[in-house]
Amino acid sequence: MQLTTASGLAFVRVTNPSQGESDWASMLSVAINTAISAYLGDVALASPAWAEIDAAAHRAFGYAWKYREAPFGEAQWLDEQGGAVRLARDWIEPIKPILNRWRDATVMIG
């Protein structure tokens, strides 16, 4: 799994980012990759897992990007189907159920 700055910006539909947006997106992609790796632990994953984890990483990027627009308030918007989405304060929290399928059980116990 390797979330890149370019793939994250494409996911949030930012086609012409400013320098500040590019810098922030770069730091965010590193933070997401690091957080997911730390959360999963040192488990060897099969290739189907990586597609799901990659999608979760992009979702976390989208959450964090949207939350950037409202740092002192609640971030909420409508998804593609018109359903209301409210962002948790921690951008990794909403993707934990996806990651838990692939997480090392010994990490979850300890």
N, C-alpha and C. Protein backbone atom coordinates (compact mmCIF):
# COMPACT_ATOMS: atom_id res chain seq x y z
N MET A 1 0.86 -1.17 0.00
CA MET A 1 0.00 0.00 0.00
C MET A 1 0.89 1.22 0.00
N GLN A 2 0.64 2.08 -0.93
CA GLN A 2 1.41 3.31 -0.99
C GLN A 2 0.51 4.42 -1.51
N LEU A 3 -0.08 5.15 -0.60
CA LEU A 3 -0.87 6.32 -0.96
C LEU A 3 0.10 7.41 -1.39
N THR A 4 -0.09 7.94 -2.58
CA THR A 4 0.79 9.00 -3.05
C THR A 4 0.05 10.34 -2.99
N THR A 5 0.82 11.39 -3.04
CA THR A 5 0.22 12.72 -3.05
C THR A 5 -0.67 12.90 -4.26
N ALA A 6 -0.19 12.46 -5.42
CA ALA A 6 -0.97 12.62 -6.66
C ALA A 6 -2.27 11.83 -6.62
N SER A 7 -2.21 10.59 -6.12
CA SER A 7 -3.44 9.78 -6.08
C SER A 7 -4.42 10.33 -5.05
N GLY A 8 -3.91 10.85 -3.94
CA GLY A 8 -4.78 11.46 -2.94
C GLY A 8 -5.47 12.70 -3.47
N LEU A 9 -4.71 13.56 -4.14
CA LEU A 9 -5.31 14.77 -4.71
C LEU A 9 -6.31 14.43 -5.81
N ALA A 10 -6.02 13.42 -6.60
CA ALA A 10 -6.98 13.00 -7.63
C ALA A 10 -8.26 12.47 -6.99
N PHE A 11 -8.11 11.77 -5.87
CA PHE A 11 -9.28 11.22 -5.17
C PHE A 11 -10.20 12.32 -4.67
N VAL A 12 -9.63 13.43 -4.20
CA VAL A 12 -10.45 14.54 -3.71
C VAL A 12 -10.75 15.55 -4.81
N ARG A 13 -10.38 15.20 -6.03
CA ARG A 13 -10.69 15.99 -7.23
C ARG A 13 -10.05 17.38 -7.22
N VAL A 14 -8.82 17.44 -6.76
CA VAL A 14 -8.05 18.69 -6.82
C VAL A 14 -7.11 18.55 -8.01
N THR A 15 -7.42 19.26 -9.09
CA THR A 15 -6.66 19.10 -10.32
C THR A 15 -5.49 20.06 -10.44
N ASN A 16 -5.60 21.22 -9.84
CA ASN A 16 -4.54 22.22 -9.94
C ASN A 16 -4.24 22.76 -8.54
N PRO A 17 -3.53 21.98 -7.71
CA PRO A 17 -3.31 22.40 -6.32
C PRO A 17 -2.32 23.54 -6.21
N SER A 18 -2.52 24.36 -5.21
CA SER A 18 -1.54 25.41 -4.90
C SER A 18 -0.33 24.75 -4.24
N GLN A 19 0.73 25.52 -4.06
CA GLN A 19 1.92 24.96 -3.42
C GLN A 19 1.61 24.52 -1.99
N GLY A 20 0.82 25.31 -1.29
CA GLY A 20 0.44 24.95 0.07
C GLY A 20 -0.38 23.67 0.12
N GLU A 21 -1.32 23.52 -0.82
CA GLU A 21 -2.11 22.30 -0.89
C GLU A 21 -1.25 21.09 -1.22
N SER A 22 -0.30 21.26 -2.13
CA SER A 22 0.60 20.16 -2.49
C SER A 22 1.46 19.74 -1.30
N ASP A 23 2.00 20.72 -0.59
CA ASP A 23 2.82 20.42 0.58
C ASP A 23 2.01 19.70 1.65
N TRP A 24 0.80 20.20 1.91
CA TRP A 24 -0.05 19.59 2.92
C TRP A 24 -0.46 18.19 2.52
N ALA A 25 -0.78 18.00 1.25
CA ALA A 25 -1.16 16.67 0.76
C ALA A 25 0.00 15.70 0.85
N SER A 26 1.20 16.17 0.61
CA SER A 26 2.39 15.33 0.71
C SER A 26 2.60 14.86 2.15
N MET A 27 2.50 15.78 3.09
CA MET A 27 2.64 15.41 4.50
C MET A 27 1.52 14.48 4.95
N LEU A 28 0.32 14.73 4.44
CA LEU A 28 -0.83 13.91 4.79
C LEU A 28 -0.68 12.49 4.27
N SER A 29 -0.21 12.32 3.05
CA SER A 29 -0.05 10.97 2.50
C SER A 29 0.99 10.18 3.29
N VAL A 30 2.07 10.84 3.70
CA VAL A 30 3.08 10.16 4.53
C VAL A 30 2.47 9.78 5.88
N ALA A 31 1.71 10.68 6.47
CA ALA A 31 1.09 10.40 7.78
C ALA A 31 0.11 9.23 7.69
N ILE A 32 -0.68 9.18 6.63
CA ILE A 32 -1.65 8.10 6.46
C ILE A 32 -0.93 6.77 6.26
N ASN A 33 0.07 6.76 5.38
CA ASN A 33 0.82 5.52 5.16
C ASN A 33 1.45 5.02 6.46
N THR A 34 2.03 5.93 7.23
CA THR A 34 2.67 5.58 8.49
C THR A 34 1.65 5.07 9.51
N ALA A 35 0.53 5.75 9.61
CA ALA A 35 -0.49 5.36 10.59
C ALA A 35 -1.08 4.00 10.26
N ILE A 36 -1.35 3.74 8.99
CA ILE A 36 -1.91 2.45 8.60
C ILE A 36 -0.90 1.34 8.83
N SER A 37 0.35 1.58 8.48
CA SER A 37 1.39 0.57 8.71
C SER A 37 1.53 0.26 10.20
N ALA A 38 1.51 1.28 11.03
CA ALA A 38 1.63 1.08 12.47
C ALA A 38 0.40 0.35 13.02
N TYR A 39 -0.77 0.68 12.50
CA TYR A 39 -2.00 0.05 12.98
C TYR A 39 -2.07 -1.42 12.59
N LEU A 40 -1.62 -1.74 11.39
CA LEU A 40 -1.68 -3.13 10.92
C LEU A 40 -0.60 -4.00 11.54
N GLY A 41 0.52 -3.42 11.89
CA GLY A 41 1.62 -4.20 12.43
C GLY A 41 2.40 -4.87 11.31
N ASP A 42 3.23 -5.82 11.68
CA ASP A 42 4.09 -6.51 10.71
C ASP A 42 3.45 -7.78 10.20
N VAL A 43 2.32 -7.65 9.57
CA VAL A 43 1.62 -8.81 9.05
C VAL A 43 1.84 -8.90 7.54
N ALA A 44 2.05 -10.11 7.05
CA ALA A 44 2.19 -10.32 5.61
C ALA A 44 0.80 -10.44 5.01
N LEU A 45 0.51 -9.60 4.05
CA LEU A 45 -0.83 -9.56 3.48
C LEU A 45 -0.85 -10.08 2.05
N ALA A 46 -1.94 -10.72 1.70
CA ALA A 46 -2.15 -11.18 0.33
C ALA A 46 -2.60 -9.99 -0.52
N SER A 47 -2.46 -10.10 -1.82
CA SER A 47 -2.77 -8.98 -2.71
C SER A 47 -4.21 -8.49 -2.64
N PRO A 48 -5.23 -9.33 -2.39
CA PRO A 48 -6.59 -8.75 -2.26
C PRO A 48 -6.70 -7.75 -1.12
N ALA A 49 -5.92 -7.98 -0.07
CA ALA A 49 -5.97 -7.06 1.06
C ALA A 49 -5.47 -5.68 0.67
N TRP A 50 -4.45 -5.63 -0.17
CA TRP A 50 -3.86 -4.34 -0.52
C TRP A 50 -4.83 -3.45 -1.27
N ALA A 51 -5.67 -4.03 -2.11
CA ALA A 51 -6.66 -3.21 -2.82
C ALA A 51 -7.64 -2.58 -1.84
N GLU A 52 -8.06 -3.35 -0.84
CA GLU A 52 -9.00 -2.83 0.16
C GLU A 52 -8.32 -1.79 1.06
N ILE A 53 -7.09 -2.05 1.44
CA ILE A 53 -6.36 -1.12 2.29
C ILE A 53 -6.05 0.17 1.52
N ASP A 54 -5.75 0.05 0.24
CA ASP A 54 -5.50 1.22 -0.59
C ASP A 54 -6.76 2.09 -0.68
N ALA A 55 -7.91 1.45 -0.85
CA ALA A 55 -9.17 2.21 -0.88
C ALA A 55 -9.43 2.89 0.46
N ALA A 56 -9.12 2.20 1.55
CA ALA A 56 -9.30 2.79 2.88
C ALA A 56 -8.35 3.98 3.07
N ALA A 57 -7.13 3.86 2.56
CA ALA A 57 -6.16 4.96 2.67
C ALA A 57 -6.65 6.19 1.92
N HIS A 58 -7.22 5.98 0.74
CA HIS A 58 -7.76 7.11 -0.02
C HIS A 58 -8.96 7.72 0.69
N ARG A 59 -9.77 6.88 1.31
CA ARG A 59 -10.90 7.40 2.06
C ARG A 59 -10.42 8.24 3.24
N ALA A 60 -9.38 7.79 3.93
CA ALA A 60 -8.81 8.57 5.04
C ALA A 60 -8.27 9.90 4.54
N PHE A 61 -7.64 9.87 3.37
CA PHE A 61 -7.14 11.11 2.77
C PHE A 61 -8.30 12.07 2.52
N GLY A 62 -9.38 11.55 1.97
CA GLY A 62 -10.57 12.38 1.71
C GLY A 62 -11.15 12.95 2.99
N TYR A 63 -11.21 12.13 4.04
CA TYR A 63 -11.72 12.61 5.33
C TYR A 63 -10.84 13.74 5.86
N ALA A 64 -9.54 13.51 5.86
CA ALA A 64 -8.62 14.52 6.40
C ALA A 64 -8.64 15.79 5.56
N TRP A 65 -8.75 15.63 4.24
CA TRP A 65 -8.80 16.80 3.36
C TRP A 65 -10.06 17.62 3.64
N LYS A 66 -11.17 16.96 3.81
CA LYS A 66 -12.42 17.66 4.08
C LYS A 66 -12.38 18.30 5.47
N TYR A 67 -11.77 17.61 6.42
CA TYR A 67 -11.68 18.16 7.77
C TYR A 67 -10.80 19.39 7.81
N ARG A 68 -9.88 19.48 6.89
CA ARG A 68 -8.99 20.65 6.79
C ARG A 68 -9.79 21.92 6.55
N GLU A 69 -10.94 21.78 5.91
CA GLU A 69 -11.79 22.94 5.61
C GLU A 69 -12.52 23.46 6.85
N ALA A 70 -12.59 22.65 7.91
CA ALA A 70 -13.32 23.06 9.11
C ALA A 70 -12.54 22.62 10.35
N PRO A 71 -11.35 23.20 10.59
CA PRO A 71 -10.51 22.72 11.70
C PRO A 71 -11.10 22.96 13.08
N PHE A 72 -12.00 23.93 13.22
CA PHE A 72 -12.55 24.23 14.55
C PHE A 72 -14.02 23.87 14.66
N GLY A 73 -14.56 23.27 13.64
CA GLY A 73 -15.97 22.91 13.67
C GLY A 73 -16.17 21.49 13.18
N GLU A 74 -17.39 21.19 12.86
CA GLU A 74 -17.70 19.87 12.35
C GLU A 74 -17.61 19.87 10.84
N ALA A 75 -17.06 18.83 10.30
CA ALA A 75 -17.01 18.68 8.86
C ALA A 75 -18.11 17.71 8.45
N GLN A 76 -18.98 18.14 7.59
CA GLN A 76 -20.03 17.27 7.10
C GLN A 76 -20.37 17.64 5.67
N TRP A 77 -20.80 16.66 4.92
CA TRP A 77 -21.14 16.86 3.52
C TRP A 77 -22.00 15.72 3.05
N LEU A 78 -22.43 15.76 1.81
CA LEU A 78 -23.22 14.68 1.23
C LEU A 78 -22.33 13.82 0.36
N ASP A 79 -22.50 12.50 0.46
CA ASP A 79 -21.71 11.60 -0.37
C ASP A 79 -22.34 11.48 -1.76
N GLU A 80 -21.82 10.58 -2.58
CA GLU A 80 -22.28 10.46 -3.96
C GLU A 80 -23.75 10.07 -4.07
N GLN A 81 -24.26 9.34 -3.07
CA GLN A 81 -25.66 8.92 -3.08
C GLN A 81 -26.58 9.90 -2.34
N GLY A 82 -26.03 10.99 -1.86
CA GLY A 82 -26.84 11.99 -1.17
C GLY A 82 -26.98 11.76 0.32
N GLY A 83 -26.26 10.78 0.86
CA GLY A 83 -26.31 10.51 2.28
C GLY A 83 -25.42 11.46 3.06
N ALA A 84 -25.85 11.83 4.24
CA ALA A 84 -25.06 12.75 5.07
C ALA A 84 -23.85 12.03 5.65
N VAL A 85 -22.72 12.69 5.62
CA VAL A 85 -21.48 12.16 6.17
C VAL A 85 -20.97 13.17 7.19
N ARG A 86 -20.71 12.70 8.40
CA ARG A 86 -20.11 13.56 9.42
C ARG A 86 -18.76 12.94 9.78
N LEU A 87 -17.75 13.75 9.77
CA LEU A 87 -16.39 13.28 9.98
C LEU A 87 -16.04 13.19 11.45
N ALA A 88 -15.44 12.09 11.82
CA ALA A 88 -14.92 11.94 13.18
C ALA A 88 -13.70 12.85 13.32
N ARG A 89 -13.33 13.16 14.54
CA ARG A 89 -12.17 14.02 14.76
C ARG A 89 -10.88 13.35 14.31
N ASP A 90 -10.82 12.04 14.42
CA ASP A 90 -9.64 11.29 14.00
C ASP A 90 -9.92 10.68 12.63
N TRP A 91 -9.14 11.01 11.64
CA TRP A 91 -9.40 10.56 10.27
C TRP A 91 -9.11 9.09 10.07
N ILE A 92 -8.42 8.44 10.99
CA ILE A 92 -8.16 7.00 10.84
C ILE A 92 -9.29 6.17 11.46
N GLU A 93 -10.04 6.76 12.37
CA GLU A 93 -11.12 6.05 13.06
C GLU A 93 -12.17 5.47 12.11
N PRO A 94 -12.65 6.20 11.12
CA PRO A 94 -13.68 5.64 10.24
C PRO A 94 -13.20 4.47 9.37
N ILE A 95 -11.89 4.34 9.16
CA ILE A 95 -11.42 3.23 8.32
C ILE A 95 -10.93 2.04 9.15
N LYS A 96 -10.95 2.13 10.47
CA LYS A 96 -10.50 1.02 11.30
C LYS A 96 -11.29 -0.27 11.06
N PRO A 97 -12.61 -0.22 10.85
CA PRO A 97 -13.32 -1.48 10.56
C PRO A 97 -12.79 -2.18 9.30
N ILE A 98 -12.37 -1.43 8.32
CA ILE A 98 -11.79 -2.02 7.11
C ILE A 98 -10.43 -2.61 7.44
N LEU A 99 -9.61 -1.87 8.17
CA LEU A 99 -8.27 -2.33 8.51
C LEU A 99 -8.28 -3.52 9.45
N ASN A 100 -9.29 -3.61 10.31
CA ASN A 100 -9.33 -4.70 11.29
C ASN A 100 -9.41 -6.07 10.63
N ARG A 101 -9.96 -6.15 9.45
CA ARG A 101 -10.02 -7.44 8.73
C ARG A 101 -8.62 -7.97 8.46
N TRP A 102 -7.65 -7.08 8.30
CA TRP A 102 -6.31 -7.47 7.89
C TRP A 102 -5.28 -7.28 9.00
N ARG A 103 -5.73 -6.89 10.16
CA ARG A 103 -4.81 -6.60 11.27
C ARG A 103 -4.36 -7.89 11.95
N ASP A 104 -3.14 -7.91 12.41
CA ASP A 104 -2.58 -9.04 13.12
C ASP A 104 -3.31 -9.18 14.46
N ALA A 105 -3.83 -10.37 14.72
CA ALA A 105 -4.62 -10.58 15.94
C ALA A 105 -3.79 -10.36 17.21
N THR A 106 -2.50 -10.64 17.17
CA THR A 106 -1.68 -10.43 18.36
C THR A 106 -1.51 -8.96 18.69
N VAL A 107 -1.57 -8.10 17.67
CA VAL A 107 -1.51 -6.66 17.90
C VAL A 107 -2.80 -6.19 18.56
N MET A 108 -3.92 -6.78 18.15
CA MET A 108 -5.21 -6.37 18.69
C MET A 108 -5.35 -6.77 20.16
N ILE A 109 -4.73 -7.88 20.56
CA ILE A 109 -4.83 -8.35 21.94
C ILE A 109 -3.92 -7.53 22.85
N GLY A 110 -2.70 -7.31 22.38
CA GLY A 110 -1.71 -6.62 23.21
C GLY A 110 -1.85 -5.17 23.09
